[in-house]
Amino acid sequence: MDINDEHDQSLFTAKGELSFIFSPTWRIFDSQNKLATIKKKKLTFRPTYSVRSIFGSYTVKRKLLSWTRQYYVVDGMYQGATANGSLLDLAFTISHGDREISSASEKLISLRDTHVIVVNEDEEPDVLFTTVMMVIMQLDKKNDSVAVSD
């Protein structure tokens, strides 16, 4: 999974190692370094992801009883941050306290699953946090679509 800027230059690459026995693991890289590791926890009541990044470790959990995708962060520098999706999974916003970190919308006419993401402040932790949250939401969305088609 490639994450590009508005000029179609590669910012990050997310690479996954899917395992049926162990937790699926995704790693996010820039051009040279590993920046974050995302592991989906198995045998949990709600979708839960453990994240280790260059800015610290935290856990992302999905709210269960909601019409839209809603996630919240436990621990770490983004403790209490939330990600809220739209009813049709076409848009989302990430906020921390009273501050909106980023927003995104999905391009409807595209060959691949493409989103336009706007990070409100060009701070490195916010950009990486938004990337991690976007990868988690896409993985969760794909897991849901697989579960529905079975």
C-alpha atoms as a PDB file:
ATOM      1  CA  MET A   1       0.000   0.000   0.000  1.00  0.00           C
ATOM      2  CA  ASP A   2       1.575   3.290  -1.109  1.00  0.00           C
ATOM      3  CA  ILE A   3       0.881   6.659   0.502  1.00  0.00           C
ATOM      4  CA  ASN A   4       1.686   9.567  -1.827  1.00  0.00           C
ATOM      5  CA  ASP A   5       1.607  13.349  -1.551  1.00  0.00           C
ATOM      6  CA  GLU A   6      -0.403  15.723  -3.763  1.00  0.00           C
ATOM      7  CA  HIS A   7       2.367  15.550  -6.418  1.00  0.00           C
ATOM      8  CA  ASP A   8       2.137  11.739  -6.497  1.00  0.00           C
ATOM      9  CA  GLN A   9       5.551  11.418  -4.785  1.00  0.00           C
ATOM     10  CA  SER A  10       5.847   8.465  -2.403  1.00  0.00           C
ATOM     11  CA  LEU A  11       5.779   9.479   1.280  1.00  0.00           C
ATOM     12  CA  PHE A  12       5.259   6.110   2.951  1.00  0.00           C
ATOM     13  CA  THR A  13       4.876   2.451   2.087  1.00  0.00           C
ATOM     14  CA  ALA A  14       2.822   0.046   4.197  1.00  0.00           C
ATOM     15  CA  LYS A  15       3.821  -3.603   3.911  1.00  0.00           C
ATOM     16  CA  GLY A  16       1.827  -6.407   5.460  1.00  0.00           C
ATOM     17  CA  GLU A  17       2.676  -9.862   6.652  1.00  0.00           C
ATOM     18  CA  LEU A  18      -0.548 -11.800   6.944  1.00  0.00           C
ATOM     19  CA  SER A  19      -0.530 -14.855   9.138  1.00  0.00           C
ATOM     20  CA  PHE A  20      -3.473 -17.026  10.078  1.00  0.00           C
ATOM     21  CA  ILE A  21      -1.804 -18.349  13.226  1.00  0.00           C
ATOM     22  CA  PHE A  22      -0.282 -15.120  14.522  1.00  0.00           C
ATOM     23  CA  SER A  23      -1.510 -11.560  14.435  1.00  0.00           C
ATOM     24  CA  PRO A  24      -1.330  -9.849  11.042  1.00  0.00           C
ATOM     25  CA  THR A  25       1.479  -7.282  11.121  1.00  0.00           C
ATOM     26  CA  TRP A  26       1.880  -4.177   8.971  1.00  0.00           C
ATOM     27  CA  ARG A  27       4.935  -1.964   8.864  1.00  0.00           C
ATOM     28  CA  ILE A  28       5.111   1.615   7.625  1.00  0.00           C
ATOM     29  CA  PHE A  29       8.326   2.805   5.990  1.00  0.00           C
ATOM     30  CA  ASP A  30       9.527   6.072   4.545  1.00  0.00           C
ATOM     31  CA  SER A  31      12.170   5.893   1.813  1.00  0.00           C
ATOM     32  CA  GLN A  32      14.805   4.492   4.208  1.00  0.00           C
ATOM     33  CA  ASN A  33      13.480   3.674   7.697  1.00  0.00           C
ATOM     34  CA  LYS A  34      10.762   1.698   9.431  1.00  0.00           C
ATOM     35  CA  LEU A  35       8.549   4.262  11.167  1.00  0.00           C
ATOM     36  CA  ALA A  36       5.721   2.188  12.677  1.00  0.00           C
ATOM     37  CA  THR A  37       4.485  -1.358  13.253  1.00  0.00           C
ATOM     38  CA  ILE A  38       0.776  -2.201  13.442  1.00  0.00           C
ATOM     39  CA  LYS A  39      -0.392  -5.547  14.856  1.00  0.00           C
ATOM     40  CA  LYS A  40      -3.993  -6.662  14.975  1.00  0.00           C
ATOM     41  CA  LYS A  41      -4.710  -8.383  18.254  1.00  0.00           C
ATOM     42  CA  LYS A  42      -6.377 -11.768  17.985  1.00  0.00           C
ATOM     43  CA  LEU A  43      -9.136 -13.069  20.241  1.00  0.00           C
ATOM     44  CA  THR A  44     -10.475  -9.667  21.248  1.00  0.00           C
ATOM     45  CA  PHE A  45     -14.100  -8.657  21.601  1.00  0.00           C
ATOM     46  CA  ARG A  46     -13.656  -5.579  19.401  1.00  0.00           C
ATOM     47  CA  PRO A  47     -11.113  -4.887  16.626  1.00  0.00           C
ATOM     48  CA  THR A  48      -7.966  -3.784  18.452  1.00  0.00           C
ATOM     49  CA  TYR A  49      -4.618  -2.746  16.994  1.00  0.00           C
ATOM     50  CA  SER A  50      -1.321  -2.366  18.827  1.00  0.00           C
ATOM     51  CA  VAL A  51       0.936   0.337  17.337  1.00  0.00           C
ATOM     52  CA  ARG A  52       4.636   0.968  17.932  1.00  0.00           C
ATOM     53  CA  SER A  53       6.041   4.016  16.180  1.00  0.00           C
ATOM     54  CA  ILE A  54       9.049   6.299  16.413  1.00  0.00           C
ATOM     55  CA  PHE A  55       6.808   8.591  18.506  1.00  0.00           C
ATOM     56  CA  GLY A  56       5.794   5.939  21.047  1.00  0.00           C
ATOM     57  CA  SER A  57       3.378   3.056  21.506  1.00  0.00           C
ATOM     58  CA  TYR A  58      -0.419   3.135  21.726  1.00  0.00           C
ATOM     59  CA  THR A  59      -3.518   1.028  21.139  1.00  0.00           C
ATOM     60  CA  VAL A  60      -6.338   1.767  18.697  1.00  0.00           C
ATOM     61  CA  LYS A  61      -9.772   0.261  19.363  1.00  0.00           C
ATOM     62  CA  ARG A  62     -12.930   0.340  17.285  1.00  0.00           C
ATOM     63  CA  LYS A  63     -16.238   1.233  18.895  1.00  0.00           C
ATOM     64  CA  LEU A  64     -18.691  -1.597  18.438  1.00  0.00           C
ATOM     65  CA  LEU A  65     -22.166  -0.090  18.574  1.00  0.00           C
ATOM     66  CA  SER A  66     -22.054   2.607  15.929  1.00  0.00           C
ATOM     67  CA  TRP A  67     -23.543   3.188  12.484  1.00  0.00           C
ATOM     68  CA  THR A  68     -20.205   4.577  11.291  1.00  0.00           C
ATOM     69  CA  ARG A  69     -16.587   3.564  11.784  1.00  0.00           C
ATOM     70  CA  GLN A  70     -15.343   5.078  15.019  1.00  0.00           C
ATOM     71  CA  TYR A  71     -11.961   4.461  16.588  1.00  0.00           C
ATOM     72  CA  TYR A  72     -10.296   5.768  19.717  1.00  0.00           C
ATOM     73  CA  VAL A  73      -6.712   5.771  20.966  1.00  0.00           C
ATOM     74  CA  VAL A  74      -5.612   4.434  24.348  1.00  0.00           C
ATOM     75  CA  ASP A  75      -2.208   5.441  25.762  1.00  0.00           C
ATOM     76  CA  GLY A  76       0.633   7.313  24.124  1.00  0.00           C
ATOM     77  CA  MET A  77       0.952  10.896  22.960  1.00  0.00           C
ATOM     78  CA  TYR A  78      -2.430  10.732  21.181  1.00  0.00           C
ATOM     79  CA  GLN A  79      -4.380   9.364  24.187  1.00  0.00           C
ATOM     80  CA  GLY A  80      -8.049  10.175  23.640  1.00  0.00           C
ATOM     81  CA  ALA A  81      -7.756  10.877  19.911  1.00  0.00           C
ATOM     82  CA  THR A  82     -10.710   9.740  17.805  1.00  0.00           C
ATOM     83  CA  ALA A  83     -11.275   8.839  14.176  1.00  0.00           C
ATOM     84  CA  ASN A  84     -14.844   9.094  12.905  1.00  0.00           C
ATOM     85  CA  GLY A  85     -15.997   7.853   9.525  1.00  0.00           C
ATOM     86  CA  SER A  86     -19.017   8.783   7.477  1.00  0.00           C
ATOM     87  CA  LEU A  87     -22.075   6.582   7.060  1.00  0.00           C
ATOM     88  CA  LEU A  88     -20.913   5.153   3.713  1.00  0.00           C
ATOM     89  CA  ASP A  89     -17.193   5.016   4.604  1.00  0.00           C
ATOM     90  CA  LEU A  90     -16.414   7.766   2.100  1.00  0.00           C
ATOM     91  CA  ALA A  91     -14.889  10.271   4.525  1.00  0.00           C
ATOM     92  CA  PHE A  92     -13.361  10.517   7.988  1.00  0.00           C
ATOM     93  CA  THR A  93     -11.894  12.996  10.438  1.00  0.00           C
ATOM     94  CA  ILE A  94      -9.226  12.469  13.075  1.00  0.00           C
ATOM     95  CA  SER A  95      -9.251  14.740  16.108  1.00  0.00           C
ATOM     96  CA  HIS A  96      -7.412  15.001  19.406  1.00  0.00           C
ATOM     97  CA  GLY A  97      -9.182  17.034  22.053  1.00  0.00           C
ATOM     98  CA  ASP A  98     -10.567  20.178  20.406  1.00  0.00           C
ATOM     99  CA  ARG A  99      -8.063  20.015  17.535  1.00  0.00           C
ATOM    100  CA  GLU A 100      -8.846  18.401  14.187  1.00  0.00           C
ATOM    101  CA  ILE A 101      -5.659  16.660  13.059  1.00  0.00           C
ATOM    102  CA  SER A 102      -6.787  15.595   9.593  1.00  0.00           C
ATOM    103  CA  SER A 103      -9.691  14.807   7.324  1.00  0.00           C
ATOM    104  CA  ALA A 104     -10.068  12.613   4.275  1.00  0.00           C
ATOM    105  CA  SER A 105     -12.481  11.749   1.515  1.00  0.00           C
ATOM    106  CA  GLU A 106     -12.506   8.796  -0.845  1.00  0.00           C
ATOM    107  CA  LYS A 107     -12.304   9.336  -4.589  1.00  0.00           C
ATOM    108  CA  LEU A 108     -15.312   7.607  -6.079  1.00  0.00           C
ATOM    109  CA  ILE A 109     -14.009   7.321  -9.632  1.00  0.00           C
ATOM    110  CA  SER A 110     -10.618   5.657  -9.341  1.00  0.00           C
ATOM    111  CA  LEU A 111      -8.988   2.415 -10.414  1.00  0.00           C
ATOM    112  CA  ARG A 112      -7.628   1.837  -6.918  1.00  0.00           C
ATOM    113  CA  ASP A 113      -8.882   2.618  -3.434  1.00  0.00           C
ATOM    114  CA  THR A 114      -7.796   6.281  -3.344  1.00  0.00           C
ATOM    115  CA  HIS A 115      -8.298   8.870  -0.610  1.00  0.00           C
ATOM    116  CA  VAL A 116      -7.525  12.563  -0.479  1.00  0.00           C
ATOM    117  CA  ILE A 117      -6.129  13.290   2.984  1.00  0.00           C
ATOM    118  CA  VAL A 118      -5.595  16.771   4.403  1.00  0.00           C
ATOM    119  CA  VAL A 119      -3.348  17.015   7.474  1.00  0.00           C
ATOM    120  CA  ASN A 120      -4.091  20.390   9.060  1.00  0.00           C
ATOM    121  CA  GLU A 121      -0.620  20.999  10.493  1.00  0.00           C
ATOM    122  CA  ASP A 122       2.492  19.773   8.728  1.00  0.00           C
ATOM    123  CA  GLU A 123       4.037  18.254  11.862  1.00  0.00           C
ATOM    124  CA  GLU A 124       5.786  14.917  11.479  1.00  0.00           C
ATOM    125  CA  PRO A 125       3.953  13.175  14.392  1.00  0.00           C
ATOM    126  CA  ASP A 126       0.539  14.221  12.985  1.00  0.00           C
ATOM    127  CA  VAL A 127       1.419  13.019   9.473  1.00  0.00           C
ATOM    128  CA  LEU A 128       2.603   9.618  10.732  1.00  0.00           C
ATOM    129  CA  PHE A 129      -0.354   9.270  13.136  1.00  0.00           C
ATOM    130  CA  THR A 130      -2.779  10.028  10.279  1.00  0.00           C
ATOM    131  CA  THR A 131      -1.022   7.449   8.093  1.00  0.00           C
ATOM    132  CA  VAL A 132      -1.236   4.793  10.823  1.00  0.00           C
ATOM    133  CA  MET A 133      -4.932   5.507  11.398  1.00  0.00           C
ATOM    134  CA  MET A 134      -5.640   5.386   7.657  1.00  0.00           C
ATOM    135  CA  VAL A 135      -3.899   2.004   7.324  1.00  0.00           C
ATOM    136  CA  ILE A 136      -5.876   0.646  10.305  1.00  0.00           C
ATOM    137  CA  MET A 137      -9.184   1.866   8.846  1.00  0.00           C
ATOM    138  CA  GLN A 138      -8.409   0.347   5.444  1.00  0.00           C
ATOM    139  CA  LEU A 139      -7.427  -2.998   7.017  1.00  0.00           C
ATOM    140  CA  ASP A 140     -10.577  -3.001   9.124  1.00  0.00           C
ATOM    141  CA  LYS A 141     -12.713  -2.098   6.095  1.00  0.00           C
ATOM    142  CA  LYS A 142     -11.190  -4.950   4.078  1.00  0.00           C
ATOM    143  CA  ASN A 143     -11.707  -7.397   6.984  1.00  0.00           C
ATOM    144  CA  ASP A 144     -15.376  -6.367   7.177  1.00  0.00           C
ATOM    145  CA  SER A 145     -15.900  -6.822   3.433  1.00  0.00           C
ATOM    146  CA  VAL A 146     -14.306 -10.301   3.567  1.00  0.00           C
ATOM    147  CA  ALA A 147     -16.511 -11.265   6.531  1.00  0.00           C
ATOM    148  CA  VAL A 148     -19.655 -10.085   4.703  1.00  0.00           C
ATOM    149  CA  SER A 149     -18.795 -12.009   1.509  1.00  0.00           C
ATOM    150  CA  ASP A 150     -18.195 -15.311   3.382  1.00  0.00           C
END
